[in-house]
Amino acid sequence: MEREVEIGAVVPTKTFALHWAEGATIPGVTFSHASHVRVLGGAFADECGCVRELICLDPEPCYRIELDASRVTFEVAQSFLDRL
């Protein structure tokens, strides 16, 4: 069941990350936990991976991604990701 959570500027990171991990819809956040994504730029451009964690919301959502092939994990901004 999807639910939308309004996140204020003073909400601690752990709070929105926990809501997100439980499946809540957060305005401006495109990817859900375990979404399969392709990296659009940088050192890992064109590699595919899985969203593991929502790290921050501002200035834009940032996620911890685990790459499929190498199992490398790294943080990347939402604008550098595309849904597969």
PDB file of N, CA and C in Angstrom:
ATOM      1  N   MET A   1       0.832  -1.170   0.000  1.00  0.00           N
ATOM      2  CA  MET A   1       0.000   0.000   0.000  1.00  0.00           C
ATOM      3  C   MET A   1       0.880   1.238   0.000  1.00  0.00           C
ATOM      4  N   GLU A   2       0.720   2.097  -0.982  1.00  0.00           N
ATOM      5  CA  GLU A   2       1.507   3.320  -1.084  1.00  0.00           C
ATOM      6  C   GLU A   2       0.853   4.425  -0.280  1.00  0.00           C
ATOM      7  N   ARG A   3       1.654   5.163   0.476  1.00  0.00           N
ATOM      8  CA  ARG A   3       1.149   6.311   1.207  1.00  0.00           C
ATOM      9  C   ARG A   3       2.091   7.466   0.978  1.00  0.00           C
ATOM     10  N   GLU A   4       1.545   8.654   0.918  1.00  0.00           N
ATOM     11  CA  GLU A   4       2.376   9.840   0.723  1.00  0.00           C
ATOM     12  C   GLU A   4       2.686  10.452   2.076  1.00  0.00           C
ATOM     13  N   VAL A   5       3.947  10.818   2.266  1.00  0.00           N
ATOM     14  CA  VAL A   5       4.392  11.417   3.515  1.00  0.00           C
ATOM     15  C   VAL A   5       4.891  12.816   3.211  1.00  0.00           C
ATOM     16  N   GLU A   6       4.375  13.795   3.922  1.00  0.00           N
ATOM     17  CA  GLU A   6       4.857  15.167   3.745  1.00  0.00           C
ATOM     18  C   GLU A   6       6.089  15.341   4.611  1.00  0.00           C
ATOM     19  N   ILE A   7       7.196  15.691   3.990  1.00  0.00           N
ATOM     20  CA  ILE A   7       8.461  15.823   4.697  1.00  0.00           C
ATOM     21  C   ILE A   7       8.797  17.303   4.847  1.00  0.00           C
ATOM     22  N   GLY A   8       8.883  17.761   6.092  1.00  0.00           N
ATOM     23  CA  GLY A   8       9.269  19.141   6.363  1.00  0.00           C
ATOM     24  C   GLY A   8      10.776  19.276   6.401  1.00  0.00           C
ATOM     25  N   ALA A   9      11.258  20.493   6.366  1.00  0.00           N
ATOM     26  CA  ALA A   9      12.699  20.748   6.335  1.00  0.00           C
ATOM     27  C   ALA A   9      13.403  20.319   7.614  1.00  0.00           C
ATOM     28  N   VAL A  10      12.685  20.222   8.734  1.00  0.00           N
ATOM     29  CA  VAL A  10      13.329  19.896  10.001  1.00  0.00           C
ATOM     30  C   VAL A  10      13.305  18.405  10.322  1.00  0.00           C
ATOM     31  N   VAL A  11      12.753  17.569   9.440  1.00  0.00           N
ATOM     32  CA  VAL A  11      12.678  16.136   9.701  1.00  0.00           C
ATOM     33  C   VAL A  11      14.059  15.523   9.559  1.00  0.00           C
ATOM     34  N   PRO A  12      14.530  14.793  10.567  1.00  0.00           N
ATOM     35  CA  PRO A  12      15.848  14.165  10.482  1.00  0.00           C
ATOM     36  C   PRO A  12      15.924  13.153   9.339  1.00  0.00           C
ATOM     37  N   THR A  13      17.127  12.978   8.810  1.00  0.00           N
ATOM     38  CA  THR A  13      17.361  12.057   7.697  1.00  0.00           C
ATOM     39  C   THR A  13      16.804  10.671   7.984  1.00  0.00           C
ATOM     40  N   LYS A  14      17.044  10.138   9.159  1.00  0.00           N
ATOM     41  CA  LYS A  14      16.592   8.781   9.458  1.00  0.00           C
ATOM     42  C   LYS A  14      15.090   8.657   9.351  1.00  0.00           C
ATOM     43  N   THR A  15      14.361   9.697   9.696  1.00  0.00           N
ATOM     44  CA  THR A  15      12.907   9.624   9.649  1.00  0.00           C
ATOM     45  C   THR A  15      12.409   9.457   8.215  1.00  0.00           C
ATOM     46  N   PHE A  16      12.822  10.311   7.280  1.00  0.00           N
ATOM     47  CA  PHE A  16      12.319  10.153   5.917  1.00  0.00           C
ATOM     48  C   PHE A  16      12.866   8.886   5.282  1.00  0.00           C
ATOM     49  N   ALA A  17      14.082   8.499   5.604  1.00  0.00           N
ATOM     50  CA  ALA A  17      14.663   7.278   5.049  1.00  0.00           C
ATOM     51  C   ALA A  17      13.891   6.044   5.512  1.00  0.00           C
ATOM     52  N   LEU A  18      13.453   6.043   6.755  1.00  0.00           N
ATOM     53  CA  LEU A  18      12.669   4.908   7.255  1.00  0.00           C
ATOM     54  C   LEU A  18      11.296   4.858   6.598  1.00  0.00           C
ATOM     55  N   HIS A  19      10.634   6.008   6.468  1.00  0.00           N
ATOM     56  CA  HIS A  19       9.336   6.046   5.773  1.00  0.00           C
ATOM     57  C   HIS A  19       9.497   5.543   4.339  1.00  0.00           C
ATOM     58  N   TRP A  20      10.540   6.011   3.664  1.00  0.00           N
ATOM     59  CA  TRP A  20      10.800   5.613   2.279  1.00  0.00           C
ATOM     60  C   TRP A  20      11.046   4.105   2.189  1.00  0.00           C
ATOM     61  N   ALA A  21      11.857   3.559   3.097  1.00  0.00           N
ATOM     62  CA  ALA A  21      12.177   2.122   3.089  1.00  0.00           C
ATOM     63  C   ALA A  21      10.924   1.274   3.320  1.00  0.00           C
ATOM     64  N   GLU A  22       9.944   1.842   4.019  1.00  0.00           N
ATOM     65  CA  GLU A  22       8.688   1.129   4.277  1.00  0.00           C
ATOM     66  C   GLU A  22       7.704   1.268   3.123  1.00  0.00           C
ATOM     67  N   GLY A  23       8.072   2.002   2.076  1.00  0.00           N
ATOM     68  CA  GLY A  23       7.232   2.107   0.890  1.00  0.00           C
ATOM     69  C   GLY A  23       6.449   3.394   0.756  1.00  0.00           C
ATOM     70  N   ALA A  24       6.679   4.352   1.641  1.00  0.00           N
ATOM     71  CA  ALA A  24       5.965   5.624   1.553  1.00  0.00           C
ATOM     72  C   ALA A  24       6.418   6.405   0.324  1.00  0.00           C
ATOM     73  N   THR A  25       5.491   7.127  -0.277  1.00  0.00           N
ATOM     74  CA  THR A  25       5.795   8.012  -1.397  1.00  0.00           C
ATOM     75  C   THR A  25       6.208   9.365  -0.837  1.00  0.00           C
ATOM     76  N   ILE A  26       7.369   9.828  -1.210  1.00  0.00           N
ATOM     77  CA  ILE A  26       7.868  11.130  -0.757  1.00  0.00           C
ATOM     78  C   ILE A  26       7.922  12.049  -1.972  1.00  0.00           C
ATOM     79  N   PRO A  27       7.281  13.203  -1.900  1.00  0.00           N
ATOM     80  CA  PRO A  27       7.276  14.123  -3.042  1.00  0.00           C
ATOM     81  C   PRO A  27       8.696  14.431  -3.537  1.00  0.00           C
ATOM     82  N   GLY A  28       8.881  14.319  -4.852  1.00  0.00           N
ATOM     83  CA  GLY A  28      10.168  14.608  -5.469  1.00  0.00           C
ATOM     84  C   GLY A  28      11.123  13.436  -5.540  1.00  0.00           C
ATOM     85  N   VAL A  29      10.788  12.338  -4.870  1.00  0.00           N
ATOM     86  CA  VAL A  29      11.643  11.144  -4.869  1.00  0.00           C
ATOM     87  C   VAL A  29      11.109  10.181  -5.920  1.00  0.00           C
ATOM     88  N   THR A  30      11.911   9.915  -6.939  1.00  0.00           N
ATOM     89  CA  THR A  30      11.484   9.112  -8.083  1.00  0.00           C
ATOM     90  C   THR A  30      11.600   7.615  -7.846  1.00  0.00           C
ATOM     91  N   PHE A  31      12.665   7.184  -7.188  1.00  0.00           N
ATOM     92  CA  PHE A  31      12.961   5.762  -7.087  1.00  0.00           C
ATOM     93  C   PHE A  31      12.615   5.200  -5.714  1.00  0.00           C
ATOM     94  N   SER A  32      12.100   3.981  -5.709  1.00  0.00           N
ATOM     95  CA  SER A  32      11.788   3.301  -4.459  1.00  0.00           C
ATOM     96  C   SER A  32      12.917   2.320  -4.121  1.00  0.00           C
ATOM     97  N   HIS A  33      12.867   1.780  -2.918  1.00  0.00           N
ATOM     98  CA  HIS A  33      13.850   0.788  -2.494  1.00  0.00           C
ATOM     99  C   HIS A  33      13.818  -0.388  -3.467  1.00  0.00           C
ATOM    100  N   ALA A  34      14.968  -0.864  -3.866  1.00  0.00           N
ATOM    101  CA  ALA A  34      15.151  -2.008  -4.767  1.00  0.00           C
ATOM    102  C   ALA A  34      14.823  -1.702  -6.231  1.00  0.00           C
ATOM    103  N   SER A  35      14.603  -0.427  -6.589  1.00  0.00           N
ATOM    104  CA  SER A  35      14.408  -0.080  -7.997  1.00  0.00           C
ATOM    105  C   SER A  35      15.672  -0.420  -8.781  1.00  0.00           C
ATOM    106  N   HIS A  36      15.494  -0.933  -9.976  1.00  0.00           N
ATOM    107  CA  HIS A  36      16.621  -1.232 -10.847  1.00  0.00           C
ATOM    108  C   HIS A  36      16.870  -0.002 -11.714  1.00  0.00           C
ATOM    109  N   VAL A  37      18.097   0.496 -11.708  1.00  0.00           N
ATOM    110  CA  VAL A  37      18.421   1.758 -12.368  1.00  0.00           C
ATOM    111  C   VAL A  37      19.679   1.644 -13.236  1.00  0.00           C
ATOM    112  N   ARG A  38      19.816   2.624 -14.137  1.00  0.00           N
ATOM    113  CA  ARG A  38      21.028   2.753 -14.957  1.00  0.00           C
ATOM    114  C   ARG A  38      21.660   4.093 -14.607  1.00  0.00           C
ATOM    115  N   VAL A  39      22.980   4.087 -14.443  1.00  0.00           N
ATOM    116  CA  VAL A  39      23.722   5.300 -14.122  1.00  0.00           C
ATOM    117  C   VAL A  39      23.970   6.056 -15.430  1.00  0.00           C
ATOM    118  N   LEU A  40      23.639   7.351 -15.450  1.00  0.00           N
ATOM    119  CA  LEU A  40      23.725   8.146 -16.678  1.00  0.00           C
ATOM    120  C   LEU A  40      25.054   8.861 -16.893  1.00  0.00           C
ATOM    121  N   GLY A  41      25.833   9.073 -15.838  1.00  0.00           N
ATOM    122  CA  GLY A  41      27.080   9.814 -16.000  1.00  0.00           C
ATOM    123  C   GLY A  41      28.091   9.478 -14.936  1.00  0.00           C
ATOM    124  N   GLY A  42      29.281   9.999 -15.110  1.00  0.00           N
ATOM    125  CA  GLY A  42      30.341   9.779 -14.134  1.00  0.00           C
ATOM    126  C   GLY A  42      31.126   8.508 -14.395  1.00  0.00           C
ATOM    127  N   ALA A  43      31.887   8.101 -13.402  1.00  0.00           N
ATOM    128  CA  ALA A  43      32.779   6.943 -13.531  1.00  0.00           C
ATOM    129  C   ALA A  43      32.028   5.642 -13.816  1.00  0.00           C
ATOM    130  N   PHE A  44      30.757   5.565 -13.403  1.00  0.00           N
ATOM    131  CA  PHE A  44      29.985   4.328 -13.578  1.00  0.00           C
ATOM    132  C   PHE A  44      28.899   4.469 -14.648  1.00  0.00           C
ATOM    133  N   ALA A  45      29.072   5.394 -15.576  1.00  0.00           N
ATOM    134  CA  ALA A  45      28.085   5.632 -16.634  1.00  0.00           C
ATOM    135  C   ALA A  45      27.749   4.342 -17.369  1.00  0.00           C
ATOM    136  N   ASP A  46      26.462   4.158 -17.641  1.00  0.00           N
ATOM    137  CA  ASP A  46      25.896   3.017 -18.373  1.00  0.00           C
ATOM    138  C   ASP A  46      25.911   1.703 -17.598  1.00  0.00           C
ATOM    139  N   GLU A  47      26.313   1.723 -16.338  1.00  0.00           N
ATOM    140  CA  GLU A  47      26.223   0.508 -15.531  1.00  0.00           C
ATOM    141  C   GLU A  47      24.859   0.470 -14.857  1.00  0.00           C
ATOM    142  N   CYS A  48      24.410  -0.745 -14.559  1.00  0.00           N
ATOM    143  CA  CYS A  48      23.105  -0.937 -13.937  1.00  0.00           C
ATOM    144  C   CYS A  48      23.279  -1.386 -12.499  1.00  0.00           C
ATOM    145  N   GLY A  49      22.299  -1.037 -11.691  1.00  0.00           N
ATOM    146  CA  GLY A  49      22.362  -1.418 -10.293  1.00  0.00           C
ATOM    147  C   GLY A  49      21.002  -1.318  -9.628  1.00  0.00           C
ATOM    148  N   CYS A  50      21.023  -1.442  -8.314  1.00  0.00           N
ATOM    149  CA  CYS A  50      19.814  -1.484  -7.523  1.00  0.00           C
ATOM    150  C   CYS A  50      19.881  -0.421  -6.426  1.00  0.00           C
ATOM    151  N   VAL A  51      18.777   0.302  -6.218  1.00  0.00           N
ATOM    152  CA  VAL A  51      18.709   1.316  -5.165  1.00  0.00           C
ATOM    153  C   VAL A  51      18.628   0.610  -3.814  1.00  0.00           C
ATOM    154  N   ARG A  52      19.542   0.957  -2.928  1.00  0.00           N
ATOM    155  CA  ARG A  52      19.594   0.344  -1.600  1.00  0.00           C
ATOM    156  C   ARG A  52      19.109   1.268  -0.498  1.00  0.00           C
ATOM    157  N   GLU A  53      19.334   2.595  -0.661  1.00  0.00           N
ATOM    158  CA  GLU A  53      19.029   3.514   0.430  1.00  0.00           C
ATOM    159  C   GLU A  53      18.807   4.926  -0.115  1.00  0.00           C
ATOM    160  N   LEU A  54      17.900   5.647   0.516  1.00  0.00           N
ATOM    161  CA  LEU A  54      17.708   7.069   0.235  1.00  0.00           C
ATOM    162  C   LEU A  54      18.563   7.830   1.235  1.00  0.00           C
ATOM    163  N   ILE A  55      19.514   8.629   0.734  1.00  0.00           N
ATOM    164  CA  ILE A  55      20.490   9.299   1.591  1.00  0.00           C
ATOM    165  C   ILE A  55      20.034  10.692   2.003  1.00  0.00           C
ATOM    166  N   CYS A  56      19.540  11.486   1.046  1.00  0.00           N
ATOM    167  CA  CYS A  56      19.122  12.860   1.361  1.00  0.00           C
ATOM    168  C   CYS A  56      18.047  13.301   0.382  1.00  0.00           C
ATOM    169  N   LEU A  57      17.420  14.439   0.710  1.00  0.00           N
ATOM    170  CA  LEU A  57      16.389  15.020  -0.158  1.00  0.00           C
ATOM    171  C   LEU A  57      16.828  16.320  -0.813  1.00  0.00           C
ATOM    172  N   ASP A  58      17.699  17.070  -0.169  1.00  0.00           N
ATOM    173  CA  ASP A  58      18.114  18.384  -0.666  1.00  0.00           C
ATOM    174  C   ASP A  58      19.600  18.430  -0.935  1.00  0.00           C
ATOM    175  N   PRO A  59      20.050  19.031  -1.998  1.00  0.00           N
ATOM    176  CA  PRO A  59      19.284  19.842  -2.938  1.00  0.00           C
ATOM    177  C   PRO A  59      18.442  19.002  -3.904  1.00  0.00           C
ATOM    178  N   GLU A  60      18.759  17.721  -4.046  1.00  0.00           N
ATOM    179  CA  GLU A  60      17.919  16.786  -4.791  1.00  0.00           C
ATOM    180  C   GLU A  60      18.097  15.418  -4.135  1.00  0.00           C
ATOM    181  N   PRO A  61      17.140  14.511  -4.344  1.00  0.00           N
ATOM    182  CA  PRO A  61      17.289  13.185  -3.739  1.00  0.00           C
ATOM    183  C   PRO A  61      18.597  12.514  -4.163  1.00  0.00           C
ATOM    184  N   CYS A  62      19.214  11.851  -3.222  1.00  0.00           N
ATOM    185  CA  CYS A  62      20.467  11.133  -3.443  1.00  0.00           C
ATOM    186  C   CYS A  62      20.298   9.725  -2.876  1.00  0.00           C
ATOM    187  N   TYR A  63      20.800   8.742  -3.597  1.00  0.00           N
ATOM    188  CA  TYR A  63      20.601   7.346  -3.235  1.00  0.00           C
ATOM    189  C   TYR A  63      21.930   6.612  -3.093  1.00  0.00           C
ATOM    190  N   ARG A  64      21.925   5.545  -2.308  1.00  0.00           N
ATOM    191  CA  ARG A  64      23.048   4.598  -2.300  1.00  0.00           C
ATOM    192  C   ARG A  64      22.643   3.480  -3.254  1.00  0.00           C
ATOM    193  N   ILE A  65      23.503   3.247  -4.247  1.00  0.00           N
ATOM    194  CA  ILE A  65      23.259   2.268  -5.307  1.00  0.00           C
ATOM    195  C   ILE A  65      24.276   1.138  -5.196  1.00  0.00           C
ATOM    196  N   GLU A  66      23.844  -0.081  -5.463  1.00  0.00           N
ATOM    197  CA  GLU A  66      24.777  -1.210  -5.577  1.00  0.00           C
ATOM    198  C   GLU A  66      24.767  -1.662  -7.030  1.00  0.00           C
ATOM    199  N   LEU A  67      25.933  -1.623  -7.667  1.00  0.00           N
ATOM    200  CA  LEU A  67      26.042  -2.028  -9.066  1.00  0.00           C
ATOM    201  C   LEU A  67      25.898  -3.538  -9.193  1.00  0.00           C
ATOM    202  N   ASP A  68      25.220  -3.979 -10.256  1.00  0.00           N
ATOM    203  CA  ASP A  68      24.971  -5.404 -10.464  1.00  0.00           C
ATOM    204  C   ASP A  68      26.254  -6.189 -10.704  1.00  0.00           C
ATOM    205  N   ALA A  69      27.080  -5.720 -11.619  1.00  0.00           N
ATOM    206  CA  ALA A  69      28.250  -6.492 -12.040  1.00  0.00           C
ATOM    207  C   ALA A  69      29.346  -6.558 -10.987  1.00  0.00           C
ATOM    208  N   SER A  70      29.686  -5.433 -10.381  1.00  0.00           N
ATOM    209  CA  SER A  70      30.842  -5.377  -9.480  1.00  0.00           C
ATOM    210  C   SER A  70      30.478  -5.388  -7.999  1.00  0.00           C
ATOM    211  N   ARG A  71      29.210  -5.184  -7.693  1.00  0.00           N
ATOM    212  CA  ARG A  71      28.732  -5.076  -6.303  1.00  0.00           C
ATOM    213  C   ARG A  71      29.303  -3.863  -5.576  1.00  0.00           C
ATOM    214  N   VAL A  72      29.858  -2.918  -6.325  1.00  0.00           N
ATOM    215  CA  VAL A  72      30.341  -1.659  -5.759  1.00  0.00           C
ATOM    216  C   VAL A  72      29.121  -0.864  -5.308  1.00  0.00           C
ATOM    217  N   THR A  73      29.215  -0.221  -4.141  1.00  0.00           N
ATOM    218  CA  THR A  73      28.154   0.675  -3.693  1.00  0.00           C
ATOM    219  C   THR A  73      28.689   2.103  -3.678  1.00  0.00           C
ATOM    220  N   PHE A  74      27.839   3.041  -4.061  1.00  0.00           N
ATOM    221  CA  PHE A  74      28.222   4.446  -4.071  1.00  0.00           C
ATOM    222  C   PHE A  74      26.967   5.297  -3.998  1.00  0.00           C
ATOM    223  N   GLU A  75      27.159   6.579  -3.710  1.00  0.00           N
ATOM    224  CA  GLU A  75      26.051   7.519  -3.620  1.00  0.00           C
ATOM    225  C   GLU A  75      25.968   8.329  -4.904  1.00  0.00           C
ATOM    226  N   VAL A  76      24.737   8.538  -5.365  1.00  0.00           N
ATOM    227  CA  VAL A  76      24.533   9.256  -6.627  1.00  0.00           C
ATOM    228  C   VAL A  76      23.239  10.065  -6.563  1.00  0.00           C
ATOM    229  N   ALA A  77      23.255  11.240  -7.194  1.00  0.00           N
ATOM    230  CA  ALA A  77      22.076  12.093  -7.247  1.00  0.00           C
ATOM    231  C   ALA A  77      21.041  11.514  -8.213  1.00  0.00           C
ATOM    232  N   GLN A  78      19.787  11.792  -7.935  1.00  0.00           N
ATOM    233  CA  GLN A  78      18.677  11.298  -8.739  1.00  0.00           C
ATOM    234  C   GLN A  78      18.807  11.671 -10.216  1.00  0.00           C
ATOM    235  N   SER A  79      19.331  12.861 -10.507  1.00  0.00           N
ATOM    236  CA  SER A  79      19.456  13.321 -11.900  1.00  0.00           C
ATOM    237  C   SER A  79      20.444  12.494 -12.726  1.00  0.00           C
ATOM    238  N   PHE A  80      21.246  11.667 -12.075  1.00  0.00           N
ATOM    239  CA  PHE A  80      22.199  10.801 -12.775  1.00  0.00           C
ATOM    240  C   PHE A  80      21.701   9.381 -12.904  1.00  0.00           C
ATOM    241  N   LEU A  81      20.399   9.164 -12.654  1.00  0.00           N
ATOM    242  CA  LEU A  81      19.839   7.819 -12.711  1.00  0.00           C
ATOM    243  C   LEU A  81      18.655   7.765 -13.680  1.00  0.00           C
ATOM    244  N   ASP A  82      18.471   6.588 -14.275  1.00  0.00           N
ATOM    245  CA  ASP A  82      17.330   6.338 -15.135  1.00  0.00           C
ATOM    246  C   ASP A  82      16.742   4.984 -14.768  1.00  0.00           C
ATOM    247  N   ARG A  83      15.432   4.880 -14.790  1.00  0.00           N
ATOM    248  CA  ARG A  83      14.753   3.617 -14.455  1.00  0.00           C
ATOM    249  C   ARG A  83      14.914   2.610 -15.603  1.00  0.00           C
ATOM    250  N   LEU A  84      15.116   1.363 -15.239  1.00  0.00           N
ATOM    251  CA  LEU A  84      15.190   0.299 -16.250  1.00  0.00           C
ATOM    252  C   LEU A  84      13.864  -0.419 -16.334  1.00  0.00           C
TER     253      LEU A  84
END
